[in-house]
Amino acid sequence: MLFWITIIAIAVLSTLALIAPLWRPATDEETGHEDVALYRDQLAEVDRDLARGVLDETEAARTRTEIARRLLSADQAAGKVLGSGPLRLSRGSGAVMMLCTIGGAIAVYFALGAFDSTGPYRDMSRAQRIAAGDAMRADRMPQLEAEIAFGTEIAALGEIPEDYAAMIARLREIVPQNPEQREGWELLALHEARLGNFSAATRAQEQVLRLKGDAVTAADRLGLLDRMVAATNGFVSPEAEQIMLGLLDEDPRSVAARYYAGLLYAQTDRPDMAFQLWRDVLENGDPASIHYSLAESQIEAVAFAAGEEFTLESLTPRGPSADDIAAAAEMSAQDRSQMIAGMIEQLSTRLADEGGPASDWARLIVALSVIEETERAQIIWEEARTAFASQEADLATIAAAAQQAGLIE
């Protein structure tokens, strides 16, 4: 209620300020009568100067003639051009202006805004919005229902080459007849996904994970997560969320899992969380990955919804730009070495201050070895090995870089 009292008071006061000149009669200053009074004072001043002997009769007569001419002109202007209009008409116009301004503003708000709690953007505190987002997250439909509700039509076998269609038809026939043969389910999951039949690809990938048991890898689970979200046309179901959370438990820096976490928050009215997660994806992910591209295509929309001033151009580049490379080609060997050293220092400082993906640590190790700073590369390798000790895939990436740099055999 206080909100409405405040905005109505502001609207009334603003409109009153606009119509105030119409509500009162014009003053002498506004009608031009002040010029008439001024010239009359000047005539009186001429008589006083004549009495004091400052002017003689000839000068006084000439001065009176000039002042009288100006006085006549001012009097005509005040009476015919700058006179005050009818007060009743002015006040009526002001009242109509006030009603139209306030009424029009209210009408526009009713059309575009949310007057009460039924509106799509009703007034909510931060705690209420977070609670509403949690409720939306808890009430999501399960995977199978979402596939029916949101899934897209699959490609018909008649629309693909005959030999490929025959192979897919054969796979669909024989794989269910041999449910314990993992290779068949893997092939079926792969080719159903290629056809865009993501629901079938999801079922096949589920069988792959079942048959692998304890040997399931993060890549296997990510493959299932990709197919599940694709099968629902981008909707993150509770089942997909559980896989995503498992990937994050195993690797909190997983770009793919963080993308899907951001997608879930974007779908449950938490653009602030989606923006934070997707910005991290763009700052630390591989630009060649599909999850990076998906985050890149959506982040500006969630930034706007979260009230963040953000553009893709504002991101700090993770490597040399095309201009940097072109400039390097024209440099002398000494200047080029200095530029490379500067880039290495920037990368080293960013990793020390903010951290980064395993690919950046590997890049730094190789770069240091190229400029023959072997001892420093060894220190970076030791730090990275400690930081990624629990992340097998990332550690393998860094170890390969250390081997390339000659730090390990």
Protein backbone atom coordinates (compact mmCIF):
# COMPACT_ATOMS: atom_id res chain seq x y z
CA MET A 1 0.00 0.00 0.00
CA LEU A 2 2.86 2.36 0.78
CA PHE A 3 4.13 1.87 -2.77
CA TRP A 4 0.85 3.07 -4.26
CA ILE A 5 0.62 6.05 -1.90
CA THR A 6 4.15 7.06 -2.90
CA ILE A 7 3.71 6.85 -6.66
CA ILE A 8 0.30 8.58 -6.60
CA ALA A 9 1.76 11.43 -4.52
CA ILE A 10 4.68 11.75 -6.97
CA ALA A 11 2.30 11.78 -9.95
CA VAL A 12 0.05 14.46 -8.40
CA LEU A 13 2.94 16.70 -7.36
CA SER A 14 4.61 16.38 -10.78
CA THR A 15 1.38 17.26 -12.58
CA LEU A 16 0.69 20.21 -10.26
CA ALA A 17 4.11 21.60 -11.09
CA LEU A 18 3.23 21.41 -14.79
CA ILE A 19 -0.19 23.10 -14.55
CA ALA A 20 0.69 25.74 -11.92
CA PRO A 21 1.26 28.49 -14.54
CA LEU A 22 -2.23 27.83 -15.95
CA TRP A 23 -3.93 27.97 -12.53
CA ARG A 24 -3.07 31.55 -11.50
CA PRO A 25 -3.51 34.87 -13.31
CA ALA A 26 -0.49 36.32 -15.08
CA THR A 27 1.66 38.73 -13.08
CA ASP A 28 2.92 42.09 -14.32
CA GLU A 29 6.29 40.51 -15.04
CA GLU A 30 4.62 37.89 -17.28
CA THR A 31 2.27 40.31 -19.15
CA GLY A 32 4.84 43.04 -19.92
CA HIS A 33 3.40 45.68 -17.54
CA GLU A 34 6.74 45.93 -15.77
CA ASP A 35 8.12 47.71 -18.89
CA VAL A 36 5.34 50.31 -18.67
CA ALA A 37 6.13 50.98 -15.01
CA LEU A 38 9.83 51.28 -15.81
CA TYR A 39 9.32 53.93 -18.50
CA ARG A 40 6.99 55.90 -16.23
CA ASP A 41 9.67 55.93 -13.57
CA GLN A 42 12.13 57.20 -16.17
CA LEU A 43 9.81 60.11 -17.08
CA ALA A 44 9.62 61.08 -13.41
CA GLU A 45 13.41 60.85 -13.22
CA VAL A 46 13.72 63.31 -16.14
CA ASP A 47 11.61 65.87 -14.26
CA ARG A 48 13.81 65.46 -11.18
CA ASP A 49 16.99 65.90 -13.23
CA LEU A 50 15.54 69.06 -14.81
CA ALA A 51 14.67 70.50 -11.39
CA ARG A 52 18.23 69.80 -10.15
CA GLY A 53 19.74 71.44 -13.21
CA VAL A 54 21.31 68.26 -14.51
CA LEU A 55 19.40 68.59 -17.82
CA ASP A 56 18.37 71.69 -19.70
CA GLU A 57 14.96 72.14 -21.34
CA THR A 58 16.11 71.00 -24.78
CA GLU A 59 17.71 67.77 -23.50
CA ALA A 60 14.77 67.10 -21.20
CA ALA A 61 12.27 67.49 -24.08
CA ARG A 62 14.28 65.16 -26.33
CA THR A 63 14.55 62.56 -23.55
CA ARG A 64 10.82 62.74 -22.75
CA THR A 65 9.97 62.22 -26.44
CA GLU A 66 12.12 59.08 -26.65
CA ILE A 67 10.80 57.65 -23.37
CA ALA A 68 7.21 58.44 -24.38
CA ARG A 69 7.69 56.58 -27.65
CA ARG A 70 8.98 53.47 -25.81
CA LEU A 71 6.22 53.79 -23.20
CA LEU A 72 3.55 53.77 -25.88
CA SER A 73 5.06 50.72 -27.56
CA ALA A 74 5.31 48.82 -24.24
CA ASP A 75 1.74 49.68 -23.28
CA GLN A 76 0.43 48.39 -26.60
CA ALA A 77 2.42 45.13 -26.26
CA ALA A 78 1.22 44.55 -22.70
CA GLY A 79 -2.40 45.11 -23.55
CA LYS A 80 -2.67 43.29 -26.89
CA VAL A 81 0.05 40.64 -27.08
CA LEU A 82 1.10 39.62 -23.57
CA GLY A 83 -2.18 39.99 -21.78
CA SER A 84 -3.44 37.25 -19.39
CA GLY A 85 -5.90 34.72 -20.86
CA PRO A 86 -9.31 33.86 -19.36
CA LEU A 87 -8.63 32.45 -15.90
CA ARG A 88 -11.53 29.96 -15.99
CA LEU A 89 -10.39 28.51 -19.32
CA SER A 90 -6.78 28.24 -18.12
CA ARG A 91 -7.78 26.43 -14.94
CA GLY A 92 -10.10 24.10 -16.84
CA SER A 93 -7.30 23.22 -19.25
CA GLY A 94 -4.97 22.53 -16.33
CA ALA A 95 -7.49 20.24 -14.65
CA VAL A 96 -8.03 18.28 -17.87
CA MET A 97 -4.25 17.99 -18.34
CA MET A 98 -3.86 16.67 -14.79
CA LEU A 99 -6.60 14.05 -15.20
CA CYS A 100 -5.28 12.91 -18.58
CA THR A 101 -1.70 12.60 -17.34
CA ILE A 102 -2.50 10.63 -14.18
CA GLY A 103 -5.30 8.64 -15.81
CA GLY A 104 -3.12 7.77 -18.79
CA ALA A 105 -0.28 6.61 -16.56
CA ILE A 106 -2.63 4.36 -14.57
CA ALA A 107 -4.15 2.96 -17.77
CA VAL A 108 -0.71 2.12 -19.18
CA TYR A 109 0.30 0.44 -15.91
CA PHE A 110 -2.86 -1.66 -15.87
CA ALA A 111 -2.12 -2.74 -19.44
CA LEU A 112 1.58 -3.53 -18.98
CA GLY A 113 2.19 -3.85 -15.25
CA ALA A 114 0.88 -6.09 -12.48
CA PHE A 115 -1.55 -4.26 -10.24
CA ASP A 116 -2.06 -7.14 -7.83
CA SER A 117 -0.55 -10.50 -6.89
CA THR A 118 -1.98 -12.20 -9.98
CA GLY A 119 0.44 -10.47 -12.36
CA PRO A 120 3.44 -12.26 -13.91
CA TYR A 121 5.86 -9.83 -12.26
CA ARG A 122 4.15 -9.18 -8.96
CA ASP A 123 5.96 -7.41 -6.16
CA MET A 124 8.00 -9.98 -4.22
CA SER A 125 10.76 -9.79 -1.68
CA ARG A 126 14.04 -11.58 -2.40
CA ALA A 127 13.20 -14.29 0.14
CA GLN A 128 9.80 -14.85 -1.51
CA ARG A 129 11.36 -15.07 -4.96
CA ILE A 130 13.94 -17.61 -3.78
CA ALA A 131 11.20 -19.64 -2.10
CA ALA A 132 9.08 -19.49 -5.27
CA GLY A 133 12.05 -20.68 -7.33
CA ASP A 134 12.60 -23.58 -4.93
CA ALA A 135 8.92 -24.48 -5.22
CA MET A 136 9.12 -24.45 -9.03
CA ARG A 137 12.19 -26.66 -8.83
CA ALA A 138 10.45 -29.14 -6.52
CA ASP A 139 7.29 -29.35 -8.65
CA ARG A 140 8.89 -30.09 -12.02
CA MET A 141 7.45 -32.93 -14.08
CA PRO A 142 9.51 -36.14 -14.29
CA GLN A 143 11.63 -37.08 -17.30
CA LEU A 144 9.15 -39.29 -19.14
CA GLU A 145 6.31 -36.80 -18.83
CA ALA A 146 8.59 -33.99 -19.97
CA GLU A 147 9.64 -35.99 -23.03
CA ILE A 148 5.97 -36.35 -23.99
CA ALA A 149 5.16 -32.71 -23.23
CA PHE A 150 8.23 -31.02 -24.72
CA GLY A 151 9.90 -33.58 -26.98
CA THR A 152 10.23 -32.97 -30.71
CA GLU A 153 9.26 -35.23 -33.58
CA ILE A 154 11.87 -37.81 -34.58
CA ALA A 155 13.32 -38.19 -38.04
CA ALA A 156 11.62 -40.73 -40.29
CA LEU A 157 13.84 -43.49 -41.65
CA GLY A 158 12.58 -42.68 -45.13
CA GLU A 159 14.32 -39.31 -44.97
CA ILE A 160 17.84 -40.77 -44.59
CA PRO A 161 20.01 -42.87 -46.95
CA GLU A 162 18.65 -46.38 -47.50
CA ASP A 163 21.72 -48.21 -46.23
CA TYR A 164 21.84 -46.13 -43.07
CA ALA A 165 18.10 -46.58 -42.54
CA ALA A 166 18.50 -50.33 -42.93
CA MET A 167 21.29 -50.38 -40.36
CA ILE A 168 19.23 -48.39 -37.82
CA ALA A 169 16.21 -50.64 -38.37
CA ARG A 170 18.41 -53.68 -37.83
CA LEU A 171 19.86 -52.20 -34.63
CA ARG A 172 16.41 -51.44 -33.30
CA GLU A 173 15.43 -55.03 -33.96
CA ILE A 174 18.38 -56.99 -32.64
CA VAL A 175 19.63 -54.90 -29.69
CA PRO A 176 16.54 -55.48 -27.49
CA GLN A 177 16.86 -59.19 -28.27
CA ASN A 178 20.34 -59.16 -26.67
CA PRO A 179 19.76 -56.86 -23.67
CA GLU A 180 23.05 -57.78 -21.97
CA GLN A 181 25.25 -56.86 -24.92
CA ARG A 182 26.60 -53.43 -24.06
CA GLU A 183 28.14 -52.65 -27.45
CA GLY A 184 24.76 -52.87 -29.13
CA TRP A 185 23.19 -50.38 -26.72
CA GLU A 186 26.15 -48.02 -27.21
CA LEU A 187 25.68 -48.10 -30.99
CA LEU A 188 21.94 -47.62 -30.65
CA ALA A 189 22.38 -44.67 -28.26
CA LEU A 190 24.85 -43.05 -30.65
CA HIS A 191 22.80 -43.42 -33.82
CA GLU A 192 19.43 -42.59 -32.29
CA ALA A 193 20.97 -39.33 -31.05
CA ARG A 194 22.34 -38.62 -34.52
CA LEU A 195 18.84 -39.07 -35.92
CA GLY A 196 17.41 -36.69 -33.33
CA ASN A 197 15.47 -39.49 -31.65
CA PHE A 198 16.69 -38.41 -28.23
CA SER A 199 14.09 -40.28 -26.20
CA ALA A 200 15.23 -43.59 -27.69
CA ALA A 201 18.85 -42.49 -27.31
CA THR A 202 18.20 -41.80 -23.62
CA ARG A 203 16.71 -45.26 -23.05
CA ALA A 204 19.67 -46.86 -24.82
CA GLN A 205 22.21 -44.84 -22.83
CA GLU A 206 20.47 -45.86 -19.61
CA GLN A 207 21.08 -49.48 -20.57
CA VAL A 208 24.75 -48.68 -21.23
CA LEU A 209 25.14 -47.30 -17.71
CA ARG A 210 23.29 -50.29 -16.24
CA LEU A 211 25.58 -52.75 -17.96
CA LYS A 212 28.75 -50.87 -17.08
CA GLY A 213 27.91 -50.83 -13.38
CA ASP A 214 30.82 -49.63 -11.28
CA ALA A 215 32.88 -48.97 -14.41
CA VAL A 216 30.64 -46.06 -15.44
CA THR A 217 32.67 -42.91 -16.19
CA ALA A 218 31.81 -39.23 -15.94
CA ALA A 219 31.71 -39.16 -19.75
CA ASP A 220 29.06 -41.90 -19.72
CA ARG A 221 26.90 -39.98 -17.26
CA LEU A 222 27.36 -36.76 -19.21
CA GLY A 223 26.28 -38.60 -22.37
CA LEU A 224 23.08 -39.63 -20.62
CA LEU A 225 22.53 -36.09 -19.29
CA ASP A 226 22.97 -34.59 -22.76
CA ARG A 227 20.45 -37.01 -24.24
CA MET A 228 17.93 -36.50 -21.43
CA VAL A 229 17.91 -32.72 -21.80
CA ALA A 230 17.79 -32.98 -25.59
CA ALA A 231 14.84 -35.39 -25.33
CA THR A 232 12.85 -32.76 -23.40
CA ASN A 233 13.86 -29.97 -25.78
CA GLY A 234 15.97 -28.23 -23.12
CA PHE A 235 13.89 -28.91 -20.00
CA VAL A 236 15.96 -30.09 -17.00
CA SER A 237 13.96 -32.81 -15.23
CA PRO A 238 14.51 -33.98 -11.61
CA GLU A 239 16.23 -37.10 -12.95
CA ALA A 240 18.56 -35.00 -15.11
CA GLU A 241 19.25 -32.79 -12.11
CA GLN A 242 20.42 -35.77 -10.07
CA ILE A 243 22.93 -36.73 -12.75
CA MET A 244 24.09 -33.13 -12.98
CA LEU A 245 24.60 -32.93 -9.21
CA GLY A 246 26.58 -36.16 -9.29
CA LEU A 247 28.89 -34.74 -11.96
CA LEU A 248 29.40 -31.60 -9.88
CA ASP A 249 30.19 -33.67 -6.78
CA GLU A 250 32.87 -35.47 -8.76
CA ASP A 251 34.19 -32.33 -10.47
CA PRO A 252 32.89 -28.96 -9.20
CA ARG A 253 34.52 -27.24 -12.19
CA SER A 254 32.75 -29.39 -14.82
CA VAL A 255 31.75 -26.96 -17.56
CA ALA A 256 28.95 -29.19 -18.86
CA ALA A 257 27.44 -29.75 -15.41
CA ARG A 258 27.66 -26.06 -14.57
CA TYR A 259 25.91 -25.22 -17.83
CA TYR A 260 23.02 -27.54 -16.97
CA ALA A 261 22.88 -26.17 -13.42
CA GLY A 262 22.55 -22.69 -14.89
CA LEU A 263 19.84 -23.91 -17.28
CA LEU A 264 17.89 -25.34 -14.34
CA TYR A 265 18.11 -22.04 -12.44
CA ALA A 266 17.07 -20.10 -15.55
CA GLN A 267 13.96 -22.29 -15.81
CA THR A 268 13.02 -21.82 -12.13
CA ASP A 269 13.09 -18.00 -12.00
CA ARG A 270 16.64 -17.64 -10.68
CA PRO A 271 18.42 -15.76 -13.48
CA ASP A 272 20.92 -14.44 -10.94
CA MET A 273 22.27 -17.94 -10.30
CA ALA A 274 22.11 -18.86 -13.98
CA PHE A 275 24.17 -15.78 -14.86
CA GLN A 276 26.88 -16.59 -12.32
CA LEU A 277 27.19 -20.18 -13.51
CA TRP A 278 27.18 -19.35 -17.21
CA ARG A 279 29.67 -16.53 -16.79
CA ASP A 280 32.02 -19.03 -15.15
CA VAL A 281 31.45 -21.39 -18.10
CA LEU A 282 32.45 -18.67 -20.56
CA GLU A 283 35.45 -17.54 -18.54
CA ASN A 284 36.86 -21.02 -17.93
CA GLY A 285 35.32 -23.33 -20.54
CA ASP A 286 36.55 -24.48 -23.92
CA PRO A 287 35.02 -22.26 -26.65
CA ALA A 288 34.89 -25.31 -28.91
CA SER A 289 32.51 -27.22 -26.60
CA ILE A 290 28.75 -27.37 -27.22
CA HIS A 291 28.00 -26.38 -23.63
CA TYR A 292 30.12 -23.23 -23.99
CA SER A 293 28.20 -22.31 -27.15
CA LEU A 294 24.84 -22.91 -25.47
CA ALA A 295 25.77 -20.74 -22.49
CA GLU A 296 27.11 -18.05 -24.81
CA SER A 297 23.83 -17.90 -26.76
CA GLN A 298 21.70 -17.43 -23.62
CA ILE A 299 23.77 -15.52 -21.08
CA GLU A 300 22.85 -12.00 -22.20
CA ALA A 301 19.14 -12.79 -21.76
CA VAL A 302 19.59 -14.07 -18.19
CA ALA A 303 21.93 -11.17 -17.40
CA PHE A 304 19.18 -8.75 -18.42
CA ALA A 305 16.63 -10.65 -16.30
CA ALA A 306 19.04 -10.60 -13.34
CA GLY A 307 19.63 -6.86 -13.67
CA GLU A 308 23.29 -7.31 -14.61
CA GLU A 309 25.06 -4.99 -17.05
CA PHE A 310 26.78 -7.58 -19.21
CA THR A 311 27.72 -8.12 -22.84
CA LEU A 312 29.76 -10.86 -24.44
CA GLU A 313 32.30 -8.22 -25.46
CA SER A 314 32.98 -7.48 -21.78
CA LEU A 315 34.46 -10.94 -21.18
CA THR A 316 38.22 -11.03 -20.69
CA PRO A 317 39.81 -12.95 -23.58
CA ARG A 318 41.46 -16.21 -22.53
CA GLY A 319 44.07 -16.09 -25.26
CA PRO A 320 45.65 -13.83 -27.87
CA SER A 321 43.24 -12.11 -30.23
CA ALA A 322 43.53 -12.09 -34.02
CA ASP A 323 45.00 -8.60 -33.79
CA ASP A 324 47.62 -9.84 -31.31
CA ILE A 325 48.63 -12.65 -33.66
CA ALA A 326 48.82 -10.30 -36.66
CA ALA A 327 50.90 -7.83 -34.67
CA ALA A 328 53.25 -10.58 -33.49
CA ALA A 329 54.00 -11.56 -37.08
CA GLU A 330 55.41 -8.10 -37.74
CA MET A 331 57.54 -7.89 -34.57
CA SER A 332 61.23 -8.42 -34.19
CA ALA A 333 62.34 -11.59 -32.40
CA GLN A 334 63.12 -9.63 -29.22
CA ASP A 335 59.77 -7.82 -29.19
CA ARG A 336 57.94 -11.05 -29.90
CA SER A 337 59.68 -12.72 -26.97
CA GLN A 338 58.69 -9.86 -24.69
CA MET A 339 55.07 -10.09 -25.84
CA ILE A 340 54.97 -13.86 -25.21
CA ALA A 341 56.50 -13.36 -21.77
CA GLY A 342 53.82 -10.78 -20.98
CA MET A 343 51.04 -13.16 -22.00
CA ILE A 344 52.54 -15.91 -19.87
CA GLU A 345 52.67 -13.56 -16.89
CA GLN A 346 49.02 -12.61 -17.39
CA LEU A 347 47.99 -16.26 -17.53
CA SER A 348 50.09 -17.12 -14.49
CA THR A 349 48.61 -14.24 -12.47
CA ARG A 350 45.04 -15.17 -13.41
CA LEU A 351 45.53 -18.81 -12.43
CA ALA A 352 47.11 -17.78 -9.14
CA ASP A 353 44.32 -15.31 -8.30
CA GLU A 354 41.22 -16.93 -9.78
CA GLY A 355 42.12 -20.49 -10.71
CA GLY A 356 41.09 -22.00 -14.02
CA PRO A 357 40.49 -25.22 -15.97
CA ALA A 358 43.11 -27.91 -16.39
CA SER A 359 43.65 -26.85 -20.02
CA ASP A 360 44.94 -23.44 -18.88
CA TRP A 361 47.35 -24.99 -16.36
CA ALA A 362 48.62 -27.32 -19.09
CA ARG A 363 49.04 -24.40 -21.48
CA LEU A 364 51.07 -22.48 -18.88
CA ILE A 365 53.37 -25.43 -18.22
CA VAL A 366 54.12 -25.91 -21.92
CA ALA A 367 54.59 -22.16 -22.47
CA LEU A 368 57.10 -21.89 -19.62
CA SER A 369 59.07 -24.81 -21.00
CA VAL A 370 59.18 -23.15 -24.44
CA ILE A 371 60.84 -20.03 -23.00
CA GLU A 372 63.17 -22.34 -21.00
CA GLU A 373 61.84 -21.47 -17.55
CA THR A 374 61.96 -25.11 -16.54
CA GLU A 375 62.16 -24.58 -12.78
CA ARG A 376 59.09 -22.38 -12.81
CA ALA A 377 57.25 -24.90 -15.01
CA GLN A 378 58.11 -27.58 -12.45
CA ILE A 379 56.58 -25.47 -9.65
CA ILE A 380 53.40 -24.94 -11.68
CA TRP A 381 53.22 -28.67 -12.38
CA GLU A 382 53.47 -29.47 -8.67
CA GLU A 383 50.77 -26.93 -7.82
CA ALA A 384 48.45 -28.23 -10.52
CA ARG A 385 49.00 -31.84 -9.50
CA THR A 386 47.91 -30.96 -5.97
CA ALA A 387 44.93 -28.87 -7.09
CA PHE A 388 43.57 -31.55 -9.45
CA ALA A 389 44.57 -34.62 -7.43
CA SER A 390 40.96 -35.84 -7.12
CA GLN A 391 40.04 -35.13 -10.75
CA GLU A 392 41.45 -37.94 -12.84
CA ALA A 393 40.67 -36.59 -16.30
CA ASP A 394 42.02 -33.11 -15.56
CA LEU A 395 45.13 -34.55 -13.95
CA ALA A 396 45.78 -36.61 -17.07
CA THR A 397 45.57 -33.43 -19.20
CA ILE A 398 48.10 -31.64 -17.00
CA ALA A 399 50.37 -34.68 -16.82
CA ALA A 400 50.44 -34.85 -20.63
CA ALA A 401 51.56 -31.21 -20.70
CA ALA A 402 54.23 -31.89 -18.11
CA GLN A 403 55.47 -34.80 -20.19
CA GLN A 404 55.57 -32.60 -23.30
CA ALA A 405 57.56 -30.04 -21.32
CA GLY A 406 60.05 -32.74 -20.30
CA LEU A 407 59.20 -32.53 -16.60
CA ILE A 408 58.20 -36.21 -16.34
CA GLU A 409 58.84 -39.28 -18.43
